[in-house]
All heavy atoms as atom14 arrays in JSON, in Angstrom:
{
  "sequence": "KEFFLEIGTEEIPSRFIEPALAKMKELFIQLLANGRVA",
  "atom14_mask": [
    [1, 1, 1, 1, 1, 1, 1, 1, 1, 0, 0, 0, 0, 0],
    [1, 1, 1, 1, 1, 1, 1, 1, 1, 0, 0, 0, 0, 0],
    [1, 1, 1, 1, 1, 1, 1, 1, 1, 1, 1, 0, 0, 0],
    [1, 1, 1, 1, 1, 1, 1, 1, 1, 1, 1, 0, 0, 0],
    [1, 1, 1, 1, 1, 1, 1, 1, 0, 0, 0, 0, 0, 0],
    [1, 1, 1, 1, 1, 1, 1, 1, 1, 0, 0, 0, 0, 0],
    [1, 1, 1, 1, 1, 1, 1, 1, 0, 0, 0, 0, 0, 0],
    [1, 1, 1, 1, 0, 0, 0, 0, 0, 0, 0, 0, 0, 0],
    [1, 1, 1, 1, 1, 1, 1, 0, 0, 0, 0, 0, 0, 0],
    [1, 1, 1, 1, 1, 1, 1, 1, 1, 0, 0, 0, 0, 0],
    [1, 1, 1, 1, 1, 1, 1, 1, 1, 0, 0, 0, 0, 0],
    [1, 1, 1, 1, 1, 1, 1, 1, 0, 0, 0, 0, 0, 0],
    [1, 1, 1, 1, 1, 1, 1, 0, 0, 0, 0, 0, 0, 0],
    [1, 1, 1, 1, 1, 1, 0, 0, 0, 0, 0, 0, 0, 0],
    [1, 1, 1, 1, 1, 1, 1, 1, 1, 1, 1, 0, 0, 0],
    [1, 1, 1, 1, 1, 1, 1, 1, 1, 1, 1, 0, 0, 0],
    [1, 1, 1, 1, 1, 1, 1, 1, 0, 0, 0, 0, 0, 0],
    [1, 1, 1, 1, 1, 1, 1, 1, 1, 0, 0, 0, 0, 0],
    [1, 1, 1, 1, 1, 1, 1, 0, 0, 0, 0, 0, 0, 0],
    [1, 1, 1, 1, 1, 0, 0, 0, 0, 0, 0, 0, 0, 0],
    [1, 1, 1, 1, 1, 1, 1, 1, 0, 0, 0, 0, 0, 0],
    [1, 1, 1, 1, 1, 0, 0, 0, 0, 0, 0, 0, 0, 0],
    [1, 1, 1, 1, 1, 1, 1, 1, 1, 0, 0, 0, 0, 0],
    [1, 1, 1, 1, 1, 1, 1, 1, 0, 0, 0, 0, 0, 0],
    [1, 1, 1, 1, 1, 1, 1, 1, 1, 0, 0, 0, 0, 0],
    [1, 1, 1, 1, 1, 1, 1, 1, 1, 0, 0, 0, 0, 0],
    [1, 1, 1, 1, 1, 1, 1, 1, 0, 0, 0, 0, 0, 0],
    [1, 1, 1, 1, 1, 1, 1, 1, 1, 1, 1, 0, 0, 0],
    [1, 1, 1, 1, 1, 1, 1, 1, 0, 0, 0, 0, 0, 0],
    [1, 1, 1, 1, 1, 1, 1, 1, 1, 0, 0, 0, 0, 0],
    [1, 1, 1, 1, 1, 1, 1, 1, 0, 0, 0, 0, 0, 0],
    [1, 1, 1, 1, 1, 1, 1, 1, 0, 0, 0, 0, 0, 0],
    [1, 1, 1, 1, 1, 0, 0, 0, 0, 0, 0, 0, 0, 0],
    [1, 1, 1, 1, 1, 1, 1, 1, 0, 0, 0, 0, 0, 0],
    [1, 1, 1, 1, 0, 0, 0, 0, 0, 0, 0, 0, 0, 0],
    [1, 1, 1, 1, 1, 1, 1, 1, 1, 1, 1, 0, 0, 0],
    [1, 1, 1, 1, 1, 1, 1, 0, 0, 0, 0, 0, 0, 0],
    [1, 1, 1, 1, 1, 0, 0, 0, 0, 0, 0, 0, 0, 0]
  ],
  "atom14_positions": [
    [[-11.24, 8.92, -3.46], [-10.75, 9.8, -2.41], [-9.23, 9.81, -2.52], [-8.64, 8.86, -2.96], [-11.14, 9.3, -1.02], [-12.62, 9.29, -0.69], [-13.07, 10.53, -0.35], [-14.55, 10.49, 0.1], [-15.01, 11.59, 0.84], [0.0, 0.0, 0.0], [0.0, 0.0, 0.0], [0.0, 0.0, 0.0], [0.0, 0.0, 0.0], [0.0, 0.0, 0.0]],
    [[-8.61, 10.85, -2.03], [-7.15, 10.99, -1.95], [-6.63, 10.16, -0.82], [-7.24, 10.19, 0.25], [-6.71, 12.39, -1.91], [-5.22, 12.6, -2.01], [-4.88, 14.02, -1.99], [-5.65, 14.89, -1.97], [-3.6, 14.22, -2.11], [0.0, 0.0, 0.0], [0.0, 0.0, 0.0], [0.0, 0.0, 0.0], [0.0, 0.0, 0.0], [0.0, 0.0, 0.0]],
    [[-5.55, 9.39, -1.02], [-4.91, 8.7, 0.1], [-3.55, 9.13, 0.35], [-2.81, 9.41, -0.55], [-4.91, 7.16, -0.37], [-4.3, 6.32, 0.67], [-5.03, 5.89, 1.76], [-3.04, 5.85, 0.53], [-4.42, 5.01, 2.7], [-2.39, 4.98, 1.47], [-3.21, 4.55, 2.6], [0.0, 0.0, 0.0], [0.0, 0.0, 0.0], [0.0, 0.0, 0.0]],
    [[-3.18, 9.27, 1.66], [-1.85, 9.79, 2.0], [-1.38, 8.92, 3.09], [-1.99, 8.67, 4.13], [-1.96, 11.33, 2.52], [-0.72, 11.91, 2.87], [0.14, 12.48, 1.94], [-0.34, 11.92, 4.22], [1.35, 13.04, 2.38], [0.93, 12.5, 4.67], [1.7, 13.1, 3.7], [0.0, 0.0, 0.0], [0.0, 0.0, 0.0], [0.0, 0.0, 0.0]],
    [[-0.08, 8.43, 2.95], [0.59, 7.57, 4.06], [1.85, 8.15, 4.19], [2.73, 8.35, 3.32], [0.65, 6.17, 3.49], [1.48, 5.22, 4.41], [0.74, 4.99, 5.72], [1.69, 3.89, 3.73], [0.0, 0.0, 0.0], [0.0, 0.0, 0.0], [0.0, 0.0, 0.0], [0.0, 0.0, 0.0], [0.0, 0.0, 0.0], [0.0, 0.0, 0.0]],
    [[2.27, 8.52, 5.49], [3.41, 8.99, 5.89], [4.02, 8.12, 7.02], [3.41, 7.86, 7.97], [3.37, 10.35, 6.42], [4.72, 10.99, 6.86], [4.52, 12.47, 7.31], [3.48, 12.88, 7.47], [5.59, 13.1, 7.54], [0.0, 0.0, 0.0], [0.0, 0.0, 0.0], [0.0, 0.0, 0.0], [0.0, 0.0, 0.0], [0.0, 0.0, 0.0]],
    [[5.27, 7.61, 6.79], [5.93, 6.75, 7.83], [7.13, 7.51, 8.34], [7.98, 7.87, 7.53], [6.37, 5.39, 7.17], [5.11, 4.71, 6.52], [7.11, 4.54, 8.17], [5.56, 3.43, 5.72], [0.0, 0.0, 0.0], [0.0, 0.0, 0.0], [0.0, 0.0, 0.0], [0.0, 0.0, 0.0], [0.0, 0.0, 0.0], [0.0, 0.0, 0.0]],
    [[7.09, 7.78, 9.61], [8.32, 8.34, 10.25], [9.27, 7.27, 10.64], [8.93, 6.25, 11.18], [0.0, 0.0, 0.0], [0.0, 0.0, 0.0], [0.0, 0.0, 0.0], [0.0, 0.0, 0.0], [0.0, 0.0, 0.0], [0.0, 0.0, 0.0], [0.0, 0.0, 0.0], [0.0, 0.0, 0.0], [0.0, 0.0, 0.0], [0.0, 0.0, 0.0]],
    [[10.48, 7.52, 10.4], [11.62, 6.57, 10.69], [12.75, 7.2, 11.35], [12.79, 8.45, 11.51], [12.16, 5.93, 9.42], [12.79, 6.9, 8.66], [10.99, 5.33, 8.59], [0.0, 0.0, 0.0], [0.0, 0.0, 0.0], [0.0, 0.0, 0.0], [0.0, 0.0, 0.0], [0.0, 0.0, 0.0], [0.0, 0.0, 0.0], [0.0, 0.0, 0.0]],
    [[13.67, 6.36, 11.9], [14.92, 6.81, 12.32], [15.73, 7.26, 11.04], [15.28, 6.96, 9.95], [15.67, 5.93, 13.15], [14.98, 5.61, 14.48], [15.79, 4.77, 15.37], [16.98, 4.59, 15.14], [15.18, 4.2, 16.34], [0.0, 0.0, 0.0], [0.0, 0.0, 0.0], [0.0, 0.0, 0.0], [0.0, 0.0, 0.0], [0.0, 0.0, 0.0]],
    [[16.81, 7.85, 11.15], [17.68, 8.28, 10.06], [17.95, 7.12, 9.09], [18.5, 6.09, 9.52], [18.92, 8.88, 10.63], [19.79, 9.64, 9.54], [19.27, 11.06, 9.33], [18.49, 11.59, 10.14], [19.61, 11.55, 8.22], [0.0, 0.0, 0.0], [0.0, 0.0, 0.0], [0.0, 0.0, 0.0], [0.0, 0.0, 0.0], [0.0, 0.0, 0.0]],
    [[17.59, 7.26, 7.87], [17.83, 6.23, 6.85], [18.97, 6.74, 5.94], [18.94, 7.86, 5.48], [16.58, 5.98, 5.98], [15.38, 5.47, 6.74], [16.95, 4.97, 4.86], [14.14, 5.42, 6.01], [0.0, 0.0, 0.0], [0.0, 0.0, 0.0], [0.0, 0.0, 0.0], [0.0, 0.0, 0.0], [0.0, 0.0, 0.0], [0.0, 0.0, 0.0]],
    [[19.99, 5.91, 5.71], [21.09, 6.31, 4.8], [20.49, 6.6, 3.4], [19.47, 5.92, 3.04], [22.02, 5.12, 4.81], [21.75, 4.41, 6.02], [20.28, 4.6, 6.39], [0.0, 0.0, 0.0], [0.0, 0.0, 0.0], [0.0, 0.0, 0.0], [0.0, 0.0, 0.0], [0.0, 0.0, 0.0], [0.0, 0.0, 0.0], [0.0, 0.0, 0.0]],
    [[21.0, 7.64, 2.75], [20.44, 8.05, 1.42], [20.37, 7.03, 0.41], [19.49, 6.94, -0.4], [21.26, 9.3, 0.92], [22.53, 8.93, 0.79], [0.0, 0.0, 0.0], [0.0, 0.0, 0.0], [0.0, 0.0, 0.0], [0.0, 0.0, 0.0], [0.0, 0.0, 0.0], [0.0, 0.0, 0.0], [0.0, 0.0, 0.0], [0.0, 0.0, 0.0]],
    [[21.33, 6.0, 0.46], [21.41, 4.97, -0.6], [20.2, 3.97, -0.38], [19.91, 3.24, -1.32], [22.69, 4.24, -0.57], [22.94, 3.41, 0.64], [24.38, 2.72, 0.54], [24.55, 1.87, 1.68], [25.07, 2.31, 2.89], [25.4, 3.59, 3.05], [25.3, 1.36, 3.82], [0.0, 0.0, 0.0], [0.0, 0.0, 0.0], [0.0, 0.0, 0.0]],
    [[19.55, 4.03, 0.77], [18.44, 3.02, 0.91], [17.08, 3.68, 0.67], [16.03, 3.0, 0.59], [18.42, 2.54, 2.4], [19.59, 1.7, 2.73], [20.36, 1.87, 3.9], [20.02, 0.71, 2.0], [21.43, 1.19, 4.25], [21.16, -0.1, 2.28], [21.92, 0.13, 3.38], [0.0, 0.0, 0.0], [0.0, 0.0, 0.0], [0.0, 0.0, 0.0]],
    [[17.03, 4.98, 0.5], [15.76, 5.65, 0.35], [15.1, 5.2, -0.95], [13.82, 4.89, -0.97], [15.9, 7.15, 0.41], [16.21, 7.54, 1.88], [14.58, 7.9, 0.12], [16.59, 9.01, 2.08], [0.0, 0.0, 0.0], [0.0, 0.0, 0.0], [0.0, 0.0, 0.0], [0.0, 0.0, 0.0], [0.0, 0.0, 0.0], [0.0, 0.0, 0.0]],
    [[15.69, 5.32, -2.12], [15.2, 5.03, -3.4], [14.67, 3.61, -3.47], [13.48, 3.32, -3.88], [16.11, 5.3, -4.52], [16.21, 6.81, -4.92], [14.92, 7.4, -5.32], [14.14, 6.79, -6.06], [14.61, 8.54, -4.9], [0.0, 0.0, 0.0], [0.0, 0.0, 0.0], [0.0, 0.0, 0.0], [0.0, 0.0, 0.0], [0.0, 0.0, 0.0]],
    [[15.39, 2.55, -3.06], [14.92, 1.22, -3.07], [13.72, 1.05, -2.08], [12.76, 0.31, -2.47], [16.07, 0.35, -2.64], [17.32, 1.14, -2.85], [16.79, 2.63, -2.73], [0.0, 0.0, 0.0], [0.0, 0.0, 0.0], [0.0, 0.0, 0.0], [0.0, 0.0, 0.0], [0.0, 0.0, 0.0], [0.0, 0.0, 0.0], [0.0, 0.0, 0.0]],
    [[13.72, 1.63, -1.01], [12.61, 1.6, -0.05], [11.31, 2.18, -0.64], [10.27, 1.59, -0.56], [12.95, 2.23, 1.25], [0.0, 0.0, 0.0], [0.0, 0.0, 0.0], [0.0, 0.0, 0.0], [0.0, 0.0, 0.0], [0.0, 0.0, 0.0], [0.0, 0.0, 0.0], [0.0, 0.0, 0.0], [0.0, 0.0, 0.0], [0.0, 0.0, 0.0]],
    [[11.53, 3.35, -1.34], [10.32, 3.91, -1.97], [9.71, 3.07, -3.07], [8.55, 2.95, -3.28], [10.65, 5.31, -2.5], [11.0, 6.35, -1.43], [11.5, 7.66, -2.15], [9.83, 6.63, -0.54], [0.0, 0.0, 0.0], [0.0, 0.0, 0.0], [0.0, 0.0, 0.0], [0.0, 0.0, 0.0], [0.0, 0.0, 0.0], [0.0, 0.0, 0.0]],
    [[10.71, 2.5, -3.87], [10.2, 1.59, -4.98], [9.48, 0.39, -4.48], [8.43, -0.01, -4.95], [11.4, 1.23, -5.87], [0.0, 0.0, 0.0], [0.0, 0.0, 0.0], [0.0, 0.0, 0.0], [0.0, 0.0, 0.0], [0.0, 0.0, 0.0], [0.0, 0.0, 0.0], [0.0, 0.0, 0.0], [0.0, 0.0, 0.0], [0.0, 0.0, 0.0]],
    [[9.99, -0.28, -3.41], [9.31, -1.38, -2.85], [8.04, -1.02, -2.12], [7.11, -1.83, -2.19], [10.27, -2.01, -1.73], [9.91, -3.38, -1.26], [9.88, -4.36, -2.43], [9.57, -5.73, -1.84], [9.5, -6.77, -2.85], [0.0, 0.0, 0.0], [0.0, 0.0, 0.0], [0.0, 0.0, 0.0], [0.0, 0.0, 0.0], [0.0, 0.0, 0.0]],
    [[7.98, 0.15, -1.49], [6.74, 0.59, -0.87], [5.69, 0.73, -1.9], [4.52, 0.32, -1.72], [6.99, 1.88, -0.09], [5.76, 2.33, 0.68], [6.15, 3.66, 1.89], [6.2, 5.08, 0.87], [0.0, 0.0, 0.0], [0.0, 0.0, 0.0], [0.0, 0.0, 0.0], [0.0, 0.0, 0.0], [0.0, 0.0, 0.0], [0.0, 0.0, 0.0]],
    [[5.98, 1.36, -3.05], [4.98, 1.54, -4.14], [4.6, 0.23, -4.73], [3.33, -0.07, -4.95], [5.58, 2.44, -5.2], [4.58, 2.66, -6.33], [5.24, 3.68, -7.36], [4.2, 4.04, -8.43], [4.67, 4.99, -9.4], [0.0, 0.0, 0.0], [0.0, 0.0, 0.0], [0.0, 0.0, 0.0], [0.0, 0.0, 0.0], [0.0, 0.0, 0.0]],
    [[5.46, -0.7, -4.89], [5.19, -2.02, -5.5], [4.26, -2.84, -4.44], [3.27, -3.39, -4.92], [6.51, -2.83, -5.67], [6.35, -4.27, -6.11], [7.66, -4.98, -6.01], [8.74, -4.4, -6.33], [7.64, -6.26, -5.75], [0.0, 0.0, 0.0], [0.0, 0.0, 0.0], [0.0, 0.0, 0.0], [0.0, 0.0, 0.0], [0.0, 0.0, 0.0]],
    [[4.52, -2.78, -3.2], [3.73, -3.48, -2.2], [2.35, -2.95, -2.13], [1.42, -3.66, -1.86], [4.46, -3.53, -0.83], [5.7, -4.42, -0.8], [6.42, -4.27, 0.53], [5.33, -5.9, -1.0], [0.0, 0.0, 0.0], [0.0, 0.0, 0.0], [0.0, 0.0, 0.0], [0.0, 0.0, 0.0], [0.0, 0.0, 0.0], [0.0, 0.0, 0.0]],
    [[2.25, -1.55, -2.14], [1.02, -0.89, -2.08], [0.07, -1.29, -3.26], [-1.11, -1.59, -3.13], [1.17, 0.64, -2.09], [-0.13, 1.35, -1.87], [-0.78, 1.36, -0.62], [-0.61, 2.1, -2.9], [-1.94, 2.08, -0.45], [-1.84, 2.73, -2.73], [-2.52, 2.78, -1.55], [0.0, 0.0, 0.0], [0.0, 0.0, 0.0], [0.0, 0.0, 0.0]],
    [[0.67, -1.33, -4.48], [-0.09, -1.79, -5.65], [-0.57, -3.17, -5.54], [-1.67, -3.49, -5.85], [0.74, -1.45, -6.98], [0.93, -0.01, -7.16], [0.1, -2.19, -8.14], [1.94, 0.36, -8.21], [0.0, 0.0, 0.0], [0.0, 0.0, 0.0], [0.0, 0.0, 0.0], [0.0, 0.0, 0.0], [0.0, 0.0, 0.0], [0.0, 0.0, 0.0]],
    [[0.3, -4.0, -5.02], [0.0, -5.4, -4.82], [-1.14, -5.52, -3.73], [-2.08, -6.33, -3.87], [1.2, -6.21, -4.34], [0.95, -7.66, -4.19], [2.27, -8.29, -3.72], [3.31, -7.77, -3.5], [2.18, -9.67, -3.48], [0.0, 0.0, 0.0], [0.0, 0.0, 0.0], [0.0, 0.0, 0.0], [0.0, 0.0, 0.0], [0.0, 0.0, 0.0]],
    [[-1.07, -4.7, -2.68], [-2.12, -4.79, -1.6], [-3.53, -4.33, -2.23], [-4.53, -4.87, -1.87], [-1.72, -3.81, -0.58], [-2.61, -3.75, 0.7], [-2.65, -5.13, 1.43], [-2.2, -2.66, 1.6], [0.0, 0.0, 0.0], [0.0, 0.0, 0.0], [0.0, 0.0, 0.0], [0.0, 0.0, 0.0], [0.0, 0.0, 0.0], [0.0, 0.0, 0.0]],
    [[-3.48, -3.31, -3.02], [-4.65, -2.86, -3.66], [-5.26, -3.94, -4.52], [-6.5, -4.2, -4.53], [-4.46, -1.64, -4.48], [-4.09, -0.36, -3.77], [-3.82, 0.83, -4.78], [-5.2, -0.02, -2.73], [0.0, 0.0, 0.0], [0.0, 0.0, 0.0], [0.0, 0.0, 0.0], [0.0, 0.0, 0.0], [0.0, 0.0, 0.0], [0.0, 0.0, 0.0]],
    [[-4.46, -4.67, -5.28], [-4.99, -5.74, -6.19], [-5.5, -6.81, -5.37], [-6.59, -7.33, -5.75], [-3.82, -6.17, -7.16], [0.0, 0.0, 0.0], [0.0, 0.0, 0.0], [0.0, 0.0, 0.0], [0.0, 0.0, 0.0], [0.0, 0.0, 0.0], [0.0, 0.0, 0.0], [0.0, 0.0, 0.0], [0.0, 0.0, 0.0], [0.0, 0.0, 0.0]],
    [[-4.79, -7.28, -4.34], [-5.29, -8.37, -3.48], [-6.56, -7.98, -2.82], [-7.44, -8.83, -2.5], [-4.31, -8.78, -2.51], [-3.08, -9.41, -3.15], [-3.15, -9.92, -4.26], [-1.95, -9.51, -2.43], [0.0, 0.0, 0.0], [0.0, 0.0, 0.0], [0.0, 0.0, 0.0], [0.0, 0.0, 0.0], [0.0, 0.0, 0.0], [0.0, 0.0, 0.0]],
    [[-6.76, -6.71, -2.48], [-7.96, -6.31, -1.75], [-9.08, -5.9, -2.65], [-10.06, -5.33, -2.17], [0.0, 0.0, 0.0], [0.0, 0.0, 0.0], [0.0, 0.0, 0.0], [0.0, 0.0, 0.0], [0.0, 0.0, 0.0], [0.0, 0.0, 0.0], [0.0, 0.0, 0.0], [0.0, 0.0, 0.0], [0.0, 0.0, 0.0], [0.0, 0.0, 0.0]],
    [[-8.88, -6.04, -3.99], [-9.9, -5.55, -5.02], [-10.29, -4.19, -4.91], [-11.42, -3.71, -4.95], [-11.15, -6.5, -4.9], [-10.87, -7.89, -5.17], [-12.1, -8.82, -5.18], [-13.22, -8.37, -4.32], [-13.31, -8.67, -2.99], [-12.45, -9.49, -2.42], [-14.48, -8.27, -2.36], [0.0, 0.0, 0.0], [0.0, 0.0, 0.0], [0.0, 0.0, 0.0]],
    [[-9.34, -3.29, -4.62], [-9.57, -1.82, -4.49], [-8.91, -1.22, -5.69], [-7.73, -1.41, -5.99], [-8.92, -1.23, -3.25], [-9.15, 0.22, -3.17], [-9.59, -1.9, -2.01], [0.0, 0.0, 0.0], [0.0, 0.0, 0.0], [0.0, 0.0, 0.0], [0.0, 0.0, 0.0], [0.0, 0.0, 0.0], [0.0, 0.0, 0.0], [0.0, 0.0, 0.0]],
    [[-9.62, -0.3, -6.43], [-9.1, 0.32, -7.56], [-8.42, 1.67, -7.33], [-8.98, 2.44, -6.47], [-10.17, 0.44, -8.65], [0.0, 0.0, 0.0], [0.0, 0.0, 0.0], [0.0, 0.0, 0.0], [0.0, 0.0, 0.0], [0.0, 0.0, 0.0], [0.0, 0.0, 0.0], [0.0, 0.0, 0.0], [0.0, 0.0, 0.0], [0.0, 0.0, 0.0]]
  ]
}
């Protein structure tokens, strides 16, 4: 199935967006691996 996650935040400075997205992807992949979900 397709999975979609949207997080609404207060205004984030533009210099923090890219690192936050990279960390979010890394943590999601780690969460999938720990939960044995492919």
